[in-house]
Amino acid sequence: MRNQRGGDEVKIDDDADGSSATTGMTDDVNLRVREAQFRNVSVEVSAWIGKTRLSFGELSALRPGHVIELDQAVGAPIEIVLNREVVLARGEVVEVGDEYGVRITEIVSDKGV
């Protein structure tokens, strides 16, 4: 049997439960196509070492040499955040030549959500 484009059409028999295996194959192909489409999309990736809250008065009083205390202990894992919203991973700060880098120690799963 030939399809409209001139290629051979593949007939897949129904599974024992009456469903067609074509659906599973189509879903798999669609997933691979979607992954390929997003492969080159870039997102902002940030490394957050901690945070704090300051009043506008405290902010206006800041001068060079002042220290802002953050909510994370020294040596605590930092968060790798996508688009300032989604925590993707945690890691430790490392030196990469003359710049900072992050060694990933944990990938954050959304399965528990």
N, C-alpha and C. Protein backbone atom coordinates (compact mmCIF):
# COMPACT_ATOMS: atom_id res chain seq x y z
N MET A 1 0.84 -1.17 0.00
CA MET A 1 0.00 0.00 0.00
C MET A 1 0.89 1.24 0.00
N ARG A 2 0.53 2.28 -0.76
CA ARG A 2 1.32 3.50 -0.88
C ARG A 2 0.55 4.65 -0.22
N ASN A 3 1.31 5.57 0.42
CA ASN A 3 0.64 6.74 0.97
C ASN A 3 0.59 7.84 -0.08
N GLN A 4 0.00 8.99 0.24
CA GLN A 4 -0.20 10.05 -0.73
C GLN A 4 1.11 10.65 -1.22
N ARG A 5 2.18 10.53 -0.47
CA ARG A 5 3.46 11.09 -0.88
C ARG A 5 4.28 10.08 -1.68
N GLY A 6 3.74 8.92 -1.91
CA GLY A 6 4.43 7.93 -2.72
C GLY A 6 5.24 6.93 -1.94
N GLY A 7 5.34 7.09 -0.63
CA GLY A 7 6.09 6.16 0.19
C GLY A 7 5.22 5.00 0.63
N ASP A 8 5.84 3.98 1.15
CA ASP A 8 5.09 2.84 1.65
C ASP A 8 4.40 3.19 2.95
N GLU A 9 3.16 2.79 3.09
CA GLU A 9 2.42 3.02 4.32
C GLU A 9 2.62 1.82 5.23
N VAL A 10 2.81 2.10 6.50
CA VAL A 10 3.04 1.03 7.46
C VAL A 10 1.75 0.79 8.23
N LYS A 11 1.30 -0.45 8.26
CA LYS A 11 0.12 -0.84 9.02
C LYS A 11 0.60 -1.52 10.28
N ILE A 12 0.17 -1.00 11.42
CA ILE A 12 0.54 -1.59 12.71
C ILE A 12 -0.70 -2.20 13.32
N ASP A 13 -0.61 -3.47 13.66
CA ASP A 13 -1.75 -4.17 14.24
C ASP A 13 -2.06 -3.63 15.63
N ASP A 14 -3.32 -3.75 16.00
CA ASP A 14 -3.73 -3.36 17.34
C ASP A 14 -3.07 -4.25 18.38
N ASP A 15 -2.77 -3.66 19.53
CA ASP A 15 -2.24 -4.43 20.65
C ASP A 15 -3.35 -5.30 21.22
N ALA A 16 -2.98 -6.17 22.12
CA ALA A 16 -3.94 -7.09 22.73
C ALA A 16 -5.07 -6.35 23.43
N ASP A 17 -4.80 -5.14 23.93
CA ASP A 17 -5.85 -4.40 24.65
C ASP A 17 -6.73 -3.59 23.71
N GLY A 18 -6.50 -3.72 22.40
CA GLY A 18 -7.35 -3.04 21.44
C GLY A 18 -6.82 -1.68 21.02
N SER A 19 -5.77 -1.17 21.66
CA SER A 19 -5.22 0.12 21.28
C SER A 19 -4.20 -0.08 20.18
N SER A 20 -3.99 0.94 19.41
CA SER A 20 -3.04 0.84 18.30
C SER A 20 -1.66 1.30 18.75
N ALA A 21 -0.62 0.61 18.30
CA ALA A 21 0.75 0.99 18.62
C ALA A 21 1.14 2.27 17.88
N THR A 22 0.34 2.65 16.86
CA THR A 22 0.63 3.87 16.11
C THR A 22 0.64 5.08 17.03
N THR A 23 -0.26 5.15 17.97
CA THR A 23 -0.33 6.28 18.89
C THR A 23 0.95 6.43 19.67
N GLY A 24 1.48 5.33 20.20
CA GLY A 24 2.73 5.37 20.95
C GLY A 24 3.88 5.84 20.09
N MET A 25 3.93 5.33 18.84
CA MET A 25 5.00 5.75 17.94
C MET A 25 4.86 7.22 17.58
N THR A 26 3.63 7.67 17.33
CA THR A 26 3.39 9.06 16.98
C THR A 26 3.78 9.97 18.14
N ASP A 27 3.43 9.60 19.36
CA ASP A 27 3.81 10.38 20.54
C ASP A 27 5.32 10.48 20.67
N ASP A 28 6.01 9.37 20.41
CA ASP A 28 7.47 9.35 20.50
C ASP A 28 8.09 10.26 19.45
N VAL A 29 7.58 10.20 18.23
CA VAL A 29 8.08 11.05 17.15
C VAL A 29 7.80 12.51 17.48
N ASN A 30 6.60 12.82 17.96
CA ASN A 30 6.26 14.19 18.32
C ASN A 30 7.16 14.72 19.42
N LEU A 31 7.47 13.87 20.39
CA LEU A 31 8.35 14.28 21.48
C LEU A 31 9.74 14.60 20.96
N ARG A 32 10.25 13.76 20.06
CA ARG A 32 11.59 14.01 19.50
C ARG A 32 11.61 15.28 18.65
N VAL A 33 10.55 15.53 17.90
CA VAL A 33 10.46 16.76 17.10
C VAL A 33 10.41 17.97 18.02
N ARG A 34 9.60 17.90 19.07
CA ARG A 34 9.50 19.01 20.01
C ARG A 34 10.84 19.28 20.70
N GLU A 35 11.53 18.23 21.12
CA GLU A 35 12.85 18.39 21.75
C GLU A 35 13.81 19.05 20.78
N ALA A 36 13.78 18.68 19.52
CA ALA A 36 14.67 19.27 18.52
C ALA A 36 14.35 20.75 18.32
N GLN A 37 13.06 21.11 18.36
CA GLN A 37 12.67 22.50 18.20
C GLN A 37 13.18 23.37 19.34
N PHE A 38 13.20 22.84 20.55
CA PHE A 38 13.61 23.62 21.72
C PHE A 38 15.11 23.55 21.99
N ARG A 39 15.81 22.67 21.33
CA ARG A 39 17.23 22.45 21.60
C ARG A 39 18.05 23.73 21.52
N ASN A 40 17.73 24.65 20.62
CA ASN A 40 18.51 25.87 20.44
C ASN A 40 17.89 27.11 21.08
N VAL A 41 16.82 26.93 21.82
CA VAL A 41 16.22 28.06 22.54
C VAL A 41 17.10 28.37 23.75
N SER A 42 17.46 29.63 23.91
CA SER A 42 18.31 29.98 25.04
C SER A 42 17.47 30.58 26.17
N VAL A 43 17.88 30.31 27.39
CA VAL A 43 17.24 30.85 28.58
C VAL A 43 18.31 31.46 29.47
N GLU A 44 17.92 32.41 30.28
CA GLU A 44 18.85 33.01 31.23
C GLU A 44 19.09 32.04 32.37
N VAL A 45 20.35 31.79 32.68
CA VAL A 45 20.72 30.91 33.78
C VAL A 45 21.50 31.75 34.78
N SER A 46 21.03 31.78 36.03
CA SER A 46 21.68 32.56 37.08
C SER A 46 22.12 31.65 38.21
N ALA A 47 23.13 32.09 38.95
CA ALA A 47 23.58 31.38 40.14
C ALA A 47 23.31 32.31 41.33
N TRP A 48 22.44 31.86 42.24
CA TRP A 48 22.04 32.69 43.38
C TRP A 48 22.74 32.19 44.63
N ILE A 49 23.48 33.09 45.27
CA ILE A 49 24.20 32.70 46.48
C ILE A 49 23.40 32.97 47.75
N GLY A 50 22.35 33.73 47.67
CA GLY A 50 21.52 34.01 48.83
C GLY A 50 20.72 35.28 48.61
N LYS A 51 19.92 35.63 49.61
CA LYS A 51 19.10 36.83 49.49
C LYS A 51 18.85 37.42 50.88
N THR A 52 18.35 38.63 50.89
CA THR A 52 17.96 39.29 52.13
C THR A 52 16.95 40.37 51.79
N ARG A 53 16.38 40.98 52.78
CA ARG A 53 15.45 42.09 52.56
C ARG A 53 16.03 43.31 53.25
N LEU A 54 15.98 44.44 52.54
CA LEU A 54 16.43 45.71 53.07
C LEU A 54 15.34 46.75 52.84
N SER A 55 15.24 47.67 53.77
CA SER A 55 14.30 48.78 53.59
C SER A 55 14.93 49.79 52.62
N PHE A 56 14.13 50.68 52.09
CA PHE A 56 14.67 51.71 51.22
C PHE A 56 15.66 52.59 51.98
N GLY A 57 15.40 52.81 53.25
CA GLY A 57 16.33 53.58 54.07
C GLY A 57 17.69 52.91 54.17
N GLU A 58 17.69 51.57 54.38
CA GLU A 58 18.95 50.82 54.44
C GLU A 58 19.67 50.85 53.09
N LEU A 59 18.89 50.72 52.01
CA LEU A 59 19.50 50.77 50.68
C LEU A 59 20.14 52.13 50.40
N SER A 60 19.44 53.20 50.80
CA SER A 60 19.98 54.53 50.54
C SER A 60 21.21 54.83 51.38
N ALA A 61 21.41 54.10 52.48
CA ALA A 61 22.56 54.31 53.34
C ALA A 61 23.79 53.50 52.91
N LEU A 62 23.63 52.63 51.91
CA LEU A 62 24.76 51.78 51.48
C LEU A 62 25.89 52.63 50.90
N ARG A 63 27.09 52.28 51.27
CA ARG A 63 28.30 52.94 50.78
C ARG A 63 29.33 51.87 50.46
N PRO A 64 30.32 52.19 49.64
CA PRO A 64 31.39 51.23 49.38
C PRO A 64 32.02 50.76 50.68
N GLY A 65 32.22 49.46 50.79
CA GLY A 65 32.80 48.88 52.00
C GLY A 65 31.76 48.28 52.93
N HIS A 66 30.49 48.67 52.80
CA HIS A 66 29.44 48.07 53.61
C HIS A 66 29.25 46.61 53.19
N VAL A 67 28.79 45.78 54.10
CA VAL A 67 28.54 44.37 53.83
C VAL A 67 27.06 44.08 54.01
N ILE A 68 26.48 43.38 53.03
CA ILE A 68 25.08 42.95 53.12
C ILE A 68 25.09 41.48 53.50
N GLU A 69 24.48 41.15 54.64
CA GLU A 69 24.42 39.77 55.09
C GLU A 69 23.31 39.03 54.36
N LEU A 70 23.63 37.85 53.84
CA LEU A 70 22.66 37.03 53.11
C LEU A 70 22.17 35.89 53.99
N ASP A 71 21.14 35.20 53.51
CA ASP A 71 20.49 34.15 54.30
C ASP A 71 21.15 32.77 54.17
N GLN A 72 22.28 32.66 53.48
CA GLN A 72 22.93 31.37 53.29
C GLN A 72 24.25 31.32 54.05
N ALA A 73 24.54 30.16 54.60
CA ALA A 73 25.81 29.96 55.30
C ALA A 73 26.95 29.85 54.28
N VAL A 74 28.14 30.24 54.70
CA VAL A 74 29.32 30.08 53.85
C VAL A 74 29.49 28.60 53.53
N GLY A 75 29.68 28.29 52.28
CA GLY A 75 29.86 26.90 51.85
C GLY A 75 28.56 26.19 51.52
N ALA A 76 27.41 26.81 51.78
CA ALA A 76 26.13 26.19 51.44
C ALA A 76 25.98 26.14 49.92
N PRO A 77 25.25 25.15 49.41
CA PRO A 77 25.04 25.09 47.96
C PRO A 77 24.33 26.34 47.45
N ILE A 78 24.70 26.75 46.25
CA ILE A 78 24.00 27.87 45.62
C ILE A 78 22.98 27.30 44.64
N GLU A 79 22.00 28.10 44.27
CA GLU A 79 20.95 27.63 43.37
C GLU A 79 21.21 28.09 41.95
N ILE A 80 20.98 27.19 41.01
CA ILE A 80 21.04 27.50 39.58
C ILE A 80 19.59 27.73 39.16
N VAL A 81 19.29 28.93 38.67
CA VAL A 81 17.92 29.35 38.42
C VAL A 81 17.73 29.71 36.95
N LEU A 82 16.64 29.23 36.35
CA LEU A 82 16.30 29.53 34.96
C LEU A 82 15.32 30.69 34.92
N ASN A 83 15.62 31.67 34.08
CA ASN A 83 14.72 32.81 33.86
C ASN A 83 14.22 33.45 35.15
N ARG A 84 15.05 33.49 36.17
CA ARG A 84 14.75 34.12 37.45
C ARG A 84 13.55 33.52 38.17
N GLU A 85 13.17 32.30 37.80
CA GLU A 85 11.97 31.71 38.38
C GLU A 85 12.13 30.27 38.84
N VAL A 86 12.76 29.44 38.04
CA VAL A 86 12.75 28.00 38.26
C VAL A 86 14.11 27.53 38.74
N VAL A 87 14.14 26.91 39.93
CA VAL A 87 15.39 26.34 40.43
C VAL A 87 15.62 25.02 39.71
N LEU A 88 16.70 24.96 38.95
CA LEU A 88 17.02 23.77 38.16
C LEU A 88 17.96 22.84 38.92
N ALA A 89 18.92 23.43 39.63
CA ALA A 89 19.95 22.62 40.27
C ALA A 89 20.57 23.39 41.43
N ARG A 90 21.43 22.69 42.16
CA ARG A 90 22.23 23.30 43.22
C ARG A 90 23.67 22.88 43.01
N GLY A 91 24.59 23.70 43.49
CA GLY A 91 25.99 23.36 43.29
C GLY A 91 26.91 24.18 44.16
N GLU A 92 28.19 24.01 43.90
CA GLU A 92 29.21 24.73 44.67
C GLU A 92 30.01 25.62 43.73
N VAL A 93 30.41 26.78 44.25
CA VAL A 93 31.17 27.74 43.47
C VAL A 93 32.58 27.19 43.26
N VAL A 94 33.04 27.28 42.01
CA VAL A 94 34.40 26.86 41.66
C VAL A 94 35.05 27.96 40.83
N GLU A 95 36.35 27.87 40.72
CA GLU A 95 37.11 28.80 39.90
C GLU A 95 37.34 28.18 38.54
N VAL A 96 37.02 28.93 37.48
CA VAL A 96 37.24 28.47 36.11
C VAL A 96 38.10 29.52 35.43
N GLY A 97 39.41 29.30 35.47
CA GLY A 97 40.32 30.31 34.95
C GLY A 97 40.22 31.56 35.81
N ASP A 98 39.88 32.68 35.17
CA ASP A 98 39.72 33.95 35.89
C ASP A 98 38.27 34.24 36.25
N GLU A 99 37.39 33.27 36.08
CA GLU A 99 35.96 33.50 36.31
C GLU A 99 35.41 32.47 37.30
N TYR A 100 34.19 32.73 37.75
CA TYR A 100 33.49 31.79 38.62
C TYR A 100 32.74 30.79 37.78
N GLY A 101 32.52 29.62 38.35
CA GLY A 101 31.69 28.59 37.75
C GLY A 101 30.94 27.89 38.86
N VAL A 102 30.08 26.97 38.49
CA VAL A 102 29.32 26.20 39.48
C VAL A 102 29.43 24.73 39.13
N ARG A 103 29.90 23.93 40.08
CA ARG A 103 29.92 22.47 39.93
C ARG A 103 28.57 21.97 40.43
N ILE A 104 27.81 21.33 39.57
CA ILE A 104 26.47 20.85 39.91
C ILE A 104 26.60 19.68 40.90
N THR A 105 25.87 19.78 42.00
CA THR A 105 25.86 18.70 43.00
C THR A 105 24.50 18.05 43.11
N GLU A 106 23.46 18.72 42.60
CA GLU A 106 22.10 18.18 42.71
C GLU A 106 21.24 18.75 41.60
N ILE A 107 20.48 17.89 40.94
CA ILE A 107 19.46 18.33 39.98
C ILE A 107 18.14 18.32 40.74
N VAL A 108 17.43 19.44 40.70
CA VAL A 108 16.17 19.56 41.43
C VAL A 108 15.07 18.93 40.61
N SER A 109 14.33 18.03 41.21
CA SER A 109 13.24 17.32 40.56
C SER A 109 11.91 17.96 40.90
N ASP A 110 11.01 17.99 39.94
CA ASP A 110 9.66 18.50 40.22
C ASP A 110 8.69 17.36 40.51
N LYS A 111 9.20 16.14 40.66
CA LYS A 111 8.32 14.99 40.90
C LYS A 111 7.62 15.06 42.24
N GLY A 112 8.23 15.72 43.20
CA GLY A 112 7.63 15.82 44.54
C GLY A 112 6.57 16.90 44.63
N VAL A 113 6.43 17.72 43.56
CA VAL A 113 5.49 18.82 43.59
C VAL A 113 4.10 18.35 43.28
